[in-house]
Amino acid sequence: ESANRAAMKAFIVNRVGDLFFMLGLA
């Protein structure tokens, strides 16, 4: 369960940064 949570956490936190990247790209 800890591995699943860590994977989801990495994915979600990185999506926050990726949103800004996409705005910067646009």
mmCIF file of all heavy atoms, coordinates in Angstrom:
data_MODEL
# 
_entry.id   MODEL 
# 
loop_
_atom_site.group_PDB 
_atom_site.id 
_atom_site.type_symbol 
_atom_site.label_atom_id 
_atom_site.label_alt_id 
_atom_site.label_comp_id 
_atom_site.label_asym_id 
_atom_site.label_entity_id 
_atom_site.label_seq_id 
_atom_site.pdbx_PDB_ins_code 
_atom_site.Cartn_x 
_atom_site.Cartn_y 
_atom_site.Cartn_z 
_atom_site.occupancy 
_atom_site.B_iso_or_equiv 
_atom_site.pdbx_formal_charge 
_atom_site.auth_seq_id 
_atom_site.auth_comp_id 
_atom_site.auth_asym_id 
_atom_site.auth_atom_id 
_atom_site.pdbx_PDB_model_num 
ATOM 1   N N   . GLU A 1 1  ? 0.829  -1.201 0.000   1.00 0.00 ? 1  GLU A N   1 
ATOM 2   C CA  . GLU A 1 1  ? 0.000  0.000  0.000   1.00 0.00 ? 1  GLU A CA  1 
ATOM 3   C C   . GLU A 1 1  ? 0.867  1.256  0.000   1.00 0.00 ? 1  GLU A C   1 
ATOM 4   O O   . GLU A 1 1  ? 0.545  2.255  -0.652  1.00 0.00 ? 1  GLU A O   1 
ATOM 5   C CB  . GLU A 1 1  ? -0.918 -0.006 1.228   1.00 0.00 ? 1  GLU A CB  1 
ATOM 6   C CG  . GLU A 1 1  ? -1.830 1.208  1.328   1.00 0.00 ? 1  GLU A CG  1 
ATOM 7   C CD  . GLU A 1 1  ? -2.788 1.342  0.158   1.00 0.00 ? 1  GLU A CD  1 
ATOM 8   O OE1 . GLU A 1 1  ? -3.120 0.314  -0.459  1.00 0.00 ? 1  GLU A OE1 1 
ATOM 9   O OE2 . GLU A 1 1  ? -3.210 2.480  -0.126  1.00 0.00 ? 1  GLU A OE2 1 
ATOM 10  N N   . SER A 1 2  ? 2.010  1.212  0.730   1.00 0.00 ? 2  SER A N   1 
ATOM 11  C CA  . SER A 1 2  ? 2.887  2.378  0.799   1.00 0.00 ? 2  SER A CA  1 
ATOM 12  C C   . SER A 1 2  ? 3.480  2.710  -0.570  1.00 0.00 ? 2  SER A C   1 
ATOM 13  O O   . SER A 1 2  ? 3.664  3.887  -0.906  1.00 0.00 ? 2  SER A O   1 
ATOM 14  C CB  . SER A 1 2  ? 4.019  2.126  1.803   1.00 0.00 ? 2  SER A CB  1 
ATOM 15  O OG  . SER A 1 2  ? 4.752  0.953  1.459   1.00 0.00 ? 2  SER A OG  1 
ATOM 16  N N   . ALA A 1 3  ? 3.785  1.689  -1.378  1.00 0.00 ? 3  ALA A N   1 
ATOM 17  C CA  . ALA A 1 3  ? 4.323  1.926  -2.724  1.00 0.00 ? 3  ALA A CA  1 
ATOM 18  C C   . ALA A 1 3  ? 3.270  2.554  -3.621  1.00 0.00 ? 3  ALA A C   1 
ATOM 19  O O   . ALA A 1 3  ? 3.563  3.472  -4.398  1.00 0.00 ? 3  ALA A O   1 
ATOM 20  C CB  . ALA A 1 3  ? 4.823  0.614  -3.326  1.00 0.00 ? 3  ALA A CB  1 
ATOM 21  N N   . ASN A 1 4  ? 2.035  2.094  -3.521  1.00 0.00 ? 4  ASN A N   1 
ATOM 22  C CA  . ASN A 1 4  ? 0.956  2.682  -4.319  1.00 0.00 ? 4  ASN A CA  1 
ATOM 23  C C   . ASN A 1 4  ? 0.736  4.150  -3.957  1.00 0.00 ? 4  ASN A C   1 
ATOM 24  O O   . ASN A 1 4  ? 0.556  5.005  -4.836  1.00 0.00 ? 4  ASN A O   1 
ATOM 25  C CB  . ASN A 1 4  ? -0.348 1.897  -4.105  1.00 0.00 ? 4  ASN A CB  1 
ATOM 26  C CG  . ASN A 1 4  ? -0.283 0.505  -4.690  1.00 0.00 ? 4  ASN A CG  1 
ATOM 27  O OD1 . ASN A 1 4  ? 0.383  0.283  -5.684  1.00 0.00 ? 4  ASN A OD1 1 
ATOM 28  N ND2 . ASN A 1 4  ? -0.965 -0.440 -4.059  1.00 0.00 ? 4  ASN A ND2 1 
ATOM 29  N N   . ARG A 1 5  ? 0.760  4.433  -2.662  1.00 0.00 ? 5  ARG A N   1 
ATOM 30  C CA  . ARG A 1 5  ? 0.565  5.813  -2.224  1.00 0.00 ? 5  ARG A CA  1 
ATOM 31  C C   . ARG A 1 5  ? 1.712  6.707  -2.696  1.00 0.00 ? 5  ARG A C   1 
ATOM 32  O O   . ARG A 1 5  ? 1.499  7.854  -3.115  1.00 0.00 ? 5  ARG A O   1 
ATOM 33  C CB  . ARG A 1 5  ? 0.438  5.865  -0.693  1.00 0.00 ? 5  ARG A CB  1 
ATOM 34  C CG  . ARG A 1 5  ? -0.867 5.285  -0.161  1.00 0.00 ? 5  ARG A CG  1 
ATOM 35  C CD  . ARG A 1 5  ? -0.937 5.401  1.352   1.00 0.00 ? 5  ARG A CD  1 
ATOM 36  N NE  . ARG A 1 5  ? -2.201 4.934  1.874   1.00 0.00 ? 5  ARG A NE  1 
ATOM 37  C CZ  . ARG A 1 5  ? -3.305 5.652  1.958   1.00 0.00 ? 5  ARG A CZ  1 
ATOM 38  N NH1 . ARG A 1 5  ? -3.285 6.921  1.559   1.00 0.00 ? 5  ARG A NH1 1 
ATOM 39  N NH2 . ARG A 1 5  ? -4.414 5.150  2.450   1.00 0.00 ? 5  ARG A NH2 1 
ATOM 40  N N   . ALA A 1 6  ? 2.938  6.183  -2.599  1.00 0.00 ? 6  ALA A N   1 
ATOM 41  C CA  . ALA A 1 6  ? 4.102  6.970  -3.025  1.00 0.00 ? 6  ALA A CA  1 
ATOM 42  C C   . ALA A 1 6  ? 4.060  7.250  -4.520  1.00 0.00 ? 6  ALA A C   1 
ATOM 43  O O   . ALA A 1 6  ? 4.385  8.362  -4.965  1.00 0.00 ? 6  ALA A O   1 
ATOM 44  C CB  . ALA A 1 6  ? 5.391  6.231  -2.655  1.00 0.00 ? 6  ALA A CB  1 
ATOM 45  N N   . ALA A 1 7  ? 3.660  6.256  -5.306  1.00 0.00 ? 7  ALA A N   1 
ATOM 46  C CA  . ALA A 1 7  ? 3.572  6.443  -6.759  1.00 0.00 ? 7  ALA A CA  1 
ATOM 47  C C   . ALA A 1 7  ? 2.514  7.487  -7.104  1.00 0.00 ? 7  ALA A C   1 
ATOM 48  O O   . ALA A 1 7  ? 2.739  8.369  -7.952  1.00 0.00 ? 7  ALA A O   1 
ATOM 49  C CB  . ALA A 1 7  ? 3.250  5.115  -7.439  1.00 0.00 ? 7  ALA A CB  1 
ATOM 50  N N   . MET A 1 8  ? 1.363  7.404  -6.456  1.00 0.00 ? 8  MET A N   1 
ATOM 51  C CA  . MET A 1 8  ? 0.305  8.384  -6.698  1.00 0.00 ? 8  MET A CA  1 
ATOM 52  C C   . MET A 1 8  ? 0.740  9.786  -6.271  1.00 0.00 ? 8  MET A C   1 
ATOM 53  O O   . MET A 1 8  ? 0.459  10.782 -6.949  1.00 0.00 ? 8  MET A O   1 
ATOM 54  C CB  . MET A 1 8  ? -0.965 7.984  -5.951  1.00 0.00 ? 8  MET A CB  1 
ATOM 55  C CG  . MET A 1 8  ? -1.723 6.842  -6.585  1.00 0.00 ? 8  MET A CG  1 
ATOM 56  S SD  . MET A 1 8  ? -2.323 7.250  -8.251  1.00 0.00 ? 8  MET A SD  1 
ATOM 57  C CE  . MET A 1 8  ? -3.428 8.605  -7.887  1.00 0.00 ? 8  MET A CE  1 
ATOM 58  N N   . LYS A 1 9  ? 1.441  9.858  -5.145  1.00 0.00 ? 9  LYS A N   1 
ATOM 59  C CA  . LYS A 1 9  ? 1.896  11.156 -4.643  1.00 0.00 ? 9  LYS A CA  1 
ATOM 60  C C   . LYS A 1 9  ? 2.873  11.798 -5.626  1.00 0.00 ? 9  LYS A C   1 
ATOM 61  O O   . LYS A 1 9  ? 2.761  12.990 -5.947  1.00 0.00 ? 9  LYS A O   1 
ATOM 62  C CB  . LYS A 1 9  ? 2.564  10.974 -3.281  1.00 0.00 ? 9  LYS A CB  1 
ATOM 63  C CG  . LYS A 1 9  ? 2.918  12.270 -2.581  1.00 0.00 ? 9  LYS A CG  1 
ATOM 64  C CD  . LYS A 1 9  ? 3.462  11.971 -1.191  1.00 0.00 ? 9  LYS A CD  1 
ATOM 65  C CE  . LYS A 1 9  ? 3.757  13.230 -0.405  1.00 0.00 ? 9  LYS A CE  1 
ATOM 66  N NZ  . LYS A 1 9  ? 4.274  12.925 0.945   1.00 0.00 ? 9  LYS A NZ  1 
ATOM 67  N N   . ALA A 1 10 ? 3.822  11.004 -6.122  1.00 0.00 ? 10 ALA A N   1 
ATOM 68  C CA  . ALA A 1 10 ? 4.782  11.521 -7.101  1.00 0.00 ? 10 ALA A CA  1 
ATOM 69  C C   . ALA A 1 10 ? 4.061  11.993 -8.353  1.00 0.00 ? 10 ALA A C   1 
ATOM 70  O O   . ALA A 1 10 ? 4.374  13.066 -8.909  1.00 0.00 ? 10 ALA A O   1 
ATOM 71  C CB  . ALA A 1 10 ? 5.818  10.443 -7.440  1.00 0.00 ? 10 ALA A CB  1 
ATOM 72  N N   . PHE A 1 11 ? 3.101  11.218 -8.799  1.00 0.00 ? 11 PHE A N   1 
ATOM 73  C CA  . PHE A 1 11 ? 2.373  11.549 -10.024 1.00 0.00 ? 11 PHE A CA  1 
ATOM 74  C C   . PHE A 1 11 ? 1.577  12.834 -9.852  1.00 0.00 ? 11 PHE A C   1 
ATOM 75  O O   . PHE A 1 11 ? 1.612  13.730 -10.709 1.00 0.00 ? 11 PHE A O   1 
ATOM 76  C CB  . PHE A 1 11 ? 1.456  10.384 -10.397 1.00 0.00 ? 11 PHE A CB  1 
ATOM 77  C CG  . PHE A 1 11 ? 0.941  10.438 -11.801 1.00 0.00 ? 11 PHE A CG  1 
ATOM 78  C CD1 . PHE A 1 11 ? 1.724  10.022 -12.862 1.00 0.00 ? 11 PHE A CD1 1 
ATOM 79  C CD2 . PHE A 1 11 ? -0.335 10.908 -12.066 1.00 0.00 ? 11 PHE A CD2 1 
ATOM 80  C CE1 . PHE A 1 11 ? 1.250  10.071 -14.168 1.00 0.00 ? 11 PHE A CE1 1 
ATOM 81  C CE2 . PHE A 1 11 ? -0.824 10.961 -13.371 1.00 0.00 ? 11 PHE A CE2 1 
ATOM 82  C CZ  . PHE A 1 11 ? -0.023 10.541 -14.428 1.00 0.00 ? 11 PHE A CZ  1 
ATOM 83  N N   . ILE A 1 12 ? 0.872  12.958 -8.735  1.00 0.00 ? 12 ILE A N   1 
ATOM 84  C CA  . ILE A 1 12 ? -0.003 14.117 -8.517  1.00 0.00 ? 12 ILE A CA  1 
ATOM 85  C C   . ILE A 1 12 ? 0.805  15.385 -8.282  1.00 0.00 ? 12 ILE A C   1 
ATOM 86  O O   . ILE A 1 12 ? 0.510  16.443 -8.856  1.00 0.00 ? 12 ILE A O   1 
ATOM 87  C CB  . ILE A 1 12 ? -0.966 13.841 -7.345  1.00 0.00 ? 12 ILE A CB  1 
ATOM 88  C CG1 . ILE A 1 12 ? -1.950 12.730 -7.721  1.00 0.00 ? 12 ILE A CG1 1 
ATOM 89  C CG2 . ILE A 1 12 ? -1.711 15.101 -6.951  1.00 0.00 ? 12 ILE A CG2 1 
ATOM 90  C CD1 . ILE A 1 12 ? -2.772 12.216 -6.569  1.00 0.00 ? 12 ILE A CD1 1 
ATOM 91  N N   . VAL A 1 13 ? 1.823  15.308 -7.432  1.00 0.00 ? 13 VAL A N   1 
ATOM 92  C CA  . VAL A 1 13 ? 2.638  16.493 -7.150  1.00 0.00 ? 13 VAL A CA  1 
ATOM 93  C C   . VAL A 1 13 ? 3.312  16.984 -8.428  1.00 0.00 ? 13 VAL A C   1 
ATOM 94  O O   . VAL A 1 13 ? 3.385  18.192 -8.686  1.00 0.00 ? 13 VAL A O   1 
ATOM 95  C CB  . VAL A 1 13 ? 3.684  16.198 -6.057  1.00 0.00 ? 13 VAL A CB  1 
ATOM 96  C CG1 . VAL A 1 13 ? 4.652  17.368 -5.903  1.00 0.00 ? 13 VAL A CG1 1 
ATOM 97  C CG2 . VAL A 1 13 ? 2.991  15.916 -4.729  1.00 0.00 ? 13 VAL A CG2 1 
ATOM 98  N N   . ASN A 1 14 ? 3.782  16.061 -9.250  1.00 0.00 ? 14 ASN A N   1 
ATOM 99  C CA  . ASN A 1 14 ? 4.406  16.464 -10.501 1.00 0.00 ? 14 ASN A CA  1 
ATOM 100 C C   . ASN A 1 14 ? 3.394  17.066 -11.470 1.00 0.00 ? 14 ASN A C   1 
ATOM 101 O O   . ASN A 1 14 ? 3.750  17.920 -12.296 1.00 0.00 ? 14 ASN A O   1 
ATOM 102 C CB  . ASN A 1 14 ? 5.117  15.283 -11.146 1.00 0.00 ? 14 ASN A CB  1 
ATOM 103 C CG  . ASN A 1 14 ? 6.536  15.129 -10.635 1.00 0.00 ? 14 ASN A CG  1 
ATOM 104 O OD1 . ASN A 1 14 ? 7.456  15.760 -11.134 1.00 0.00 ? 14 ASN A OD1 1 
ATOM 105 N ND2 . ASN A 1 14 ? 6.709  14.294 -9.625  1.00 0.00 ? 14 ASN A ND2 1 
ATOM 106 N N   . ARG A 1 15 ? 2.127  16.625 -11.382 1.00 0.00 ? 15 ARG A N   1 
ATOM 107 C CA  . ARG A 1 15 ? 1.119  17.233 -12.248 1.00 0.00 ? 15 ARG A CA  1 
ATOM 108 C C   . ARG A 1 15 ? 0.912  18.706 -11.901 1.00 0.00 ? 15 ARG A C   1 
ATOM 109 O O   . ARG A 1 15 ? 0.567  19.516 -12.772 1.00 0.00 ? 15 ARG A O   1 
ATOM 110 C CB  . ARG A 1 15 ? -0.234 16.500 -12.110 1.00 0.00 ? 15 ARG A CB  1 
ATOM 111 C CG  . ARG A 1 15 ? -0.286 15.077 -12.566 1.00 0.00 ? 15 ARG A CG  1 
ATOM 112 C CD  . ARG A 1 15 ? -0.129 14.843 -14.040 1.00 0.00 ? 15 ARG A CD  1 
ATOM 113 N NE  . ARG A 1 15 ? 1.216  15.004 -14.531 1.00 0.00 ? 15 ARG A NE  1 
ATOM 114 C CZ  . ARG A 1 15 ? 2.220  14.159 -14.287 1.00 0.00 ? 15 ARG A CZ  1 
ATOM 115 N NH1 . ARG A 1 15 ? 2.053  13.108 -13.541 1.00 0.00 ? 15 ARG A NH1 1 
ATOM 116 N NH2 . ARG A 1 15 ? 3.413  14.382 -14.789 1.00 0.00 ? 15 ARG A NH2 1 
ATOM 117 N N   . VAL A 1 16 ? 1.094  19.051 -10.636 1.00 0.00 ? 16 VAL A N   1 
ATOM 118 C CA  . VAL A 1 16 ? 0.974  20.464 -10.243 1.00 0.00 ? 16 VAL A CA  1 
ATOM 119 C C   . VAL A 1 16 ? 2.027  21.290 -10.978 1.00 0.00 ? 16 VAL A C   1 
ATOM 120 O O   . VAL A 1 16 ? 1.733  22.327 -11.575 1.00 0.00 ? 16 VAL A O   1 
ATOM 121 C CB  . VAL A 1 16 ? 1.127  20.616 -8.719  1.00 0.00 ? 16 VAL A CB  1 
ATOM 122 C CG1 . VAL A 1 16 ? 1.114  22.089 -8.327  1.00 0.00 ? 16 VAL A CG1 1 
ATOM 123 C CG2 . VAL A 1 16 ? 0.011  19.872 -7.988  1.00 0.00 ? 16 VAL A CG2 1 
ATOM 124 N N   . GLY A 1 17 ? 3.270  20.814 -10.931 1.00 0.00 ? 17 GLY A N   1 
ATOM 125 C CA  . GLY A 1 17 ? 4.320  21.509 -11.661 1.00 0.00 ? 17 GLY A CA  1 
ATOM 126 C C   . GLY A 1 17 ? 4.086  21.499 -13.159 1.00 0.00 ? 17 GLY A C   1 
ATOM 127 O O   . GLY A 1 17 ? 4.330  22.499 -13.852 1.00 0.00 ? 17 GLY A O   1 
ATOM 128 N N   . ASP A 1 18 ? 3.582  20.383 -13.668 1.00 0.00 ? 18 ASP A N   1 
ATOM 129 C CA  . ASP A 1 18 ? 3.361  20.259 -15.116 1.00 0.00 ? 18 ASP A CA  1 
ATOM 130 C C   . ASP A 1 18 ? 2.304  21.238 -15.626 1.00 0.00 ? 18 ASP A C   1 
ATOM 131 O O   . ASP A 1 18 ? 2.354  21.672 -16.780 1.00 0.00 ? 18 ASP A O   1 
ATOM 132 C CB  . ASP A 1 18 ? 2.943  18.825 -15.458 1.00 0.00 ? 18 ASP A CB  1 
ATOM 133 C CG  . ASP A 1 18 ? 4.056  17.833 -15.193 1.00 0.00 ? 18 ASP A CG  1 
ATOM 134 O OD1 . ASP A 1 18 ? 5.191  18.275 -14.919 1.00 0.00 ? 18 ASP A OD1 1 
ATOM 135 O OD2 . ASP A 1 18 ? 3.792  16.621 -15.248 1.00 0.00 ? 18 ASP A OD2 1 
ATOM 136 N N   . LEU A 1 19 ? 1.342  21.572 -14.769 1.00 0.00 ? 19 LEU A N   1 
ATOM 137 C CA  . LEU A 1 19 ? 0.337  22.567 -15.166 1.00 0.00 ? 19 LEU A CA  1 
ATOM 138 C C   . LEU A 1 19 ? 1.012  23.898 -15.480 1.00 0.00 ? 19 LEU A C   1 
ATOM 139 O O   . LEU A 1 19 ? 0.707  24.546 -16.495 1.00 0.00 ? 19 LEU A O   1 
ATOM 140 C CB  . LEU A 1 19 ? -0.698 22.736 -14.045 1.00 0.00 ? 19 LEU A CB  1 
ATOM 141 C CG  . LEU A 1 19 ? -1.702 23.875 -14.242 1.00 0.00 ? 19 LEU A CG  1 
ATOM 142 C CD1 . LEU A 1 19 ? -2.553 23.650 -15.485 1.00 0.00 ? 19 LEU A CD1 1 
ATOM 143 C CD2 . LEU A 1 19 ? -2.587 24.012 -13.007 1.00 0.00 ? 19 LEU A CD2 1 
ATOM 144 N N   . PHE A 1 20 ? 1.944  24.311 -14.630 1.00 0.00 ? 20 PHE A N   1 
ATOM 145 C CA  . PHE A 1 20 ? 2.664  25.561 -14.878 1.00 0.00 ? 20 PHE A CA  1 
ATOM 146 C C   . PHE A 1 20 ? 3.533  25.449 -16.132 1.00 0.00 ? 20 PHE A C   1 
ATOM 147 O O   . PHE A 1 20 ? 3.665  26.419 -16.897 1.00 0.00 ? 20 PHE A O   1 
ATOM 148 C CB  . PHE A 1 20 ? 3.520  25.916 -13.661 1.00 0.00 ? 20 PHE A CB  1 
ATOM 149 C CG  . PHE A 1 20 ? 2.727  26.305 -12.453 1.00 0.00 ? 20 PHE A CG  1 
ATOM 150 C CD1 . PHE A 1 20 ? 2.622  25.449 -11.367 1.00 0.00 ? 20 PHE A CD1 1 
ATOM 151 C CD2 . PHE A 1 20 ? 2.069  27.524 -12.411 1.00 0.00 ? 20 PHE A CD2 1 
ATOM 152 C CE1 . PHE A 1 20 ? 1.889  25.803 -10.249 1.00 0.00 ? 20 PHE A CE1 1 
ATOM 153 C CE2 . PHE A 1 20 ? 1.327  27.887 -11.301 1.00 0.00 ? 20 PHE A CE2 1 
ATOM 154 C CZ  . PHE A 1 20 ? 1.225  27.029 -10.218 1.00 0.00 ? 20 PHE A CZ  1 
ATOM 155 N N   . PHE A 1 21 ? 4.133  24.275 -16.328 1.00 0.00 ? 21 PHE A N   1 
ATOM 156 C CA  . PHE A 1 21 ? 4.927  24.064 -17.539 1.00 0.00 ? 21 PHE A CA  1 
ATOM 157 C C   . PHE A 1 21 ? 4.049  24.273 -18.780 1.00 0.00 ? 21 PHE A C   1 
ATOM 158 O O   . PHE A 1 21 ? 4.448  24.961 -19.734 1.00 0.00 ? 21 PHE A O   1 
ATOM 159 C CB  . PHE A 1 21 ? 5.521  22.655 -17.520 1.00 0.00 ? 21 PHE A CB  1 
ATOM 160 C CG  . PHE A 1 21 ? 6.506  22.388 -18.637 1.00 0.00 ? 21 PHE A CG  1 
ATOM 161 C CD1 . PHE A 1 21 ? 7.809  22.059 -18.339 1.00 0.00 ? 21 PHE A CD1 1 
ATOM 162 C CD2 . PHE A 1 21 ? 6.145  22.447 -19.975 1.00 0.00 ? 21 PHE A CD2 1 
ATOM 163 C CE1 . PHE A 1 21 ? 8.730  21.808 -19.342 1.00 0.00 ? 21 PHE A CE1 1 
ATOM 164 C CE2 . PHE A 1 21 ? 7.051  22.194 -20.993 1.00 0.00 ? 21 PHE A CE2 1 
ATOM 165 C CZ  . PHE A 1 21 ? 8.347  21.870 -20.676 1.00 0.00 ? 21 PHE A CZ  1 
ATOM 166 N N   . MET A 1 22 ? 2.861  23.681 -18.790 1.00 0.00 ? 22 MET A N   1 
ATOM 167 C CA  . MET A 1 22 ? 1.971  23.816 -19.950 1.00 0.00 ? 22 MET A CA  1 
ATOM 168 C C   . MET A 1 22 ? 1.565  25.265 -20.177 1.00 0.00 ? 22 MET A C   1 
ATOM 169 O O   . MET A 1 22 ? 1.506  25.734 -21.320 1.00 0.00 ? 22 MET A O   1 
ATOM 170 C CB  . MET A 1 22 ? 0.731  22.936 -19.761 1.00 0.00 ? 22 MET A CB  1 
ATOM 171 C CG  . MET A 1 22 ? 1.001  21.449 -19.908 1.00 0.00 ? 22 MET A CG  1 
ATOM 172 S SD  . MET A 1 22 ? -0.503 20.456 -19.899 1.00 0.00 ? 22 MET A SD  1 
ATOM 173 C CE  . MET A 1 22 ? -0.940 20.522 -18.168 1.00 0.00 ? 22 MET A CE  1 
ATOM 174 N N   . LEU A 1 23 ? 1.301  25.989 -19.092 1.00 0.00 ? 23 LEU A N   1 
ATOM 175 C CA  . LEU A 1 23 ? 0.967  27.406 -19.236 1.00 0.00 ? 23 LEU A CA  1 
ATOM 176 C C   . LEU A 1 23 ? 2.152  28.183 -19.805 1.00 0.00 ? 23 LEU A C   1 
ATOM 177 O O   . LEU A 1 23 ? 1.984  29.063 -20.658 1.00 0.00 ? 23 LEU A O   1 
ATOM 178 C CB  . LEU A 1 23 ? 0.548  27.980 -17.873 1.00 0.00 ? 23 LEU A CB  1 
ATOM 179 C CG  . LEU A 1 23 ? -0.762 27.447 -17.287 1.00 0.00 ? 23 LEU A CG  1 
ATOM 180 C CD1 . LEU A 1 23 ? -0.971 27.982 -15.877 1.00 0.00 ? 23 LEU A CD1 1 
ATOM 181 C CD2 . LEU A 1 23 ? -1.945 27.828 -18.175 1.00 0.00 ? 23 LEU A CD2 1 
ATOM 182 N N   . GLY A 1 24 ? 3.342  27.858 -19.327 1.00 0.00 ? 24 GLY A N   1 
ATOM 183 C CA  . GLY A 1 24 ? 4.537  28.503 -19.855 1.00 0.00 ? 24 GLY A CA  1 
ATOM 184 C C   . GLY A 1 24 ? 4.756  28.186 -21.320 1.00 0.00 ? 24 GLY A C   1 
ATOM 185 O O   . GLY A 1 24 ? 5.157  29.053 -22.110 1.00 0.00 ? 24 GLY A O   1 
ATOM 186 N N   . LEU A 1 25 ? 4.488  26.935 -21.684 1.00 0.00 ? 25 LEU A N   1 
ATOM 187 C CA  . LEU A 1 25 ? 4.619  26.532 -23.084 1.00 0.00 ? 25 LEU A CA  1 
ATOM 188 C C   . LEU A 1 25 ? 3.626  27.324 -23.947 1.00 0.00 ? 25 LEU A C   1 
ATOM 189 O O   . LEU A 1 25 ? 3.982  27.830 -25.022 1.00 0.00 ? 25 LEU A O   1 
ATOM 190 C CB  . LEU A 1 25 ? 4.373  25.031 -23.203 1.00 0.00 ? 25 LEU A CB  1 
ATOM 191 C CG  . LEU A 1 25 ? 4.778  24.304 -24.484 1.00 0.00 ? 25 LEU A CG  1 
ATOM 192 C CD1 . LEU A 1 25 ? 4.873  22.804 -24.230 1.00 0.00 ? 25 LEU A CD1 1 
ATOM 193 C CD2 . LEU A 1 25 ? 3.793  24.548 -25.620 1.00 0.00 ? 25 LEU A CD2 1 
ATOM 194 N N   . ALA A 1 26 ? 2.392  27.437 -23.479 1.00 0.00 ? 26 ALA A N   1 
ATOM 195 C CA  . ALA A 1 26 ? 1.373  28.159 -24.243 1.00 0.00 ? 26 ALA A CA  1 
ATOM 196 C C   . ALA A 1 26 ? 1.736  29.635 -24.385 1.00 0.00 ? 26 ALA A C   1 
ATOM 197 O O   . ALA A 1 26 ? 1.591  30.223 -25.471 1.00 0.00 ? 26 ALA A O   1 
ATOM 198 C CB  . ALA A 1 26 ? 0.011  28.008 -23.559 1.00 0.00 ? 26 ALA A CB  1 
# 
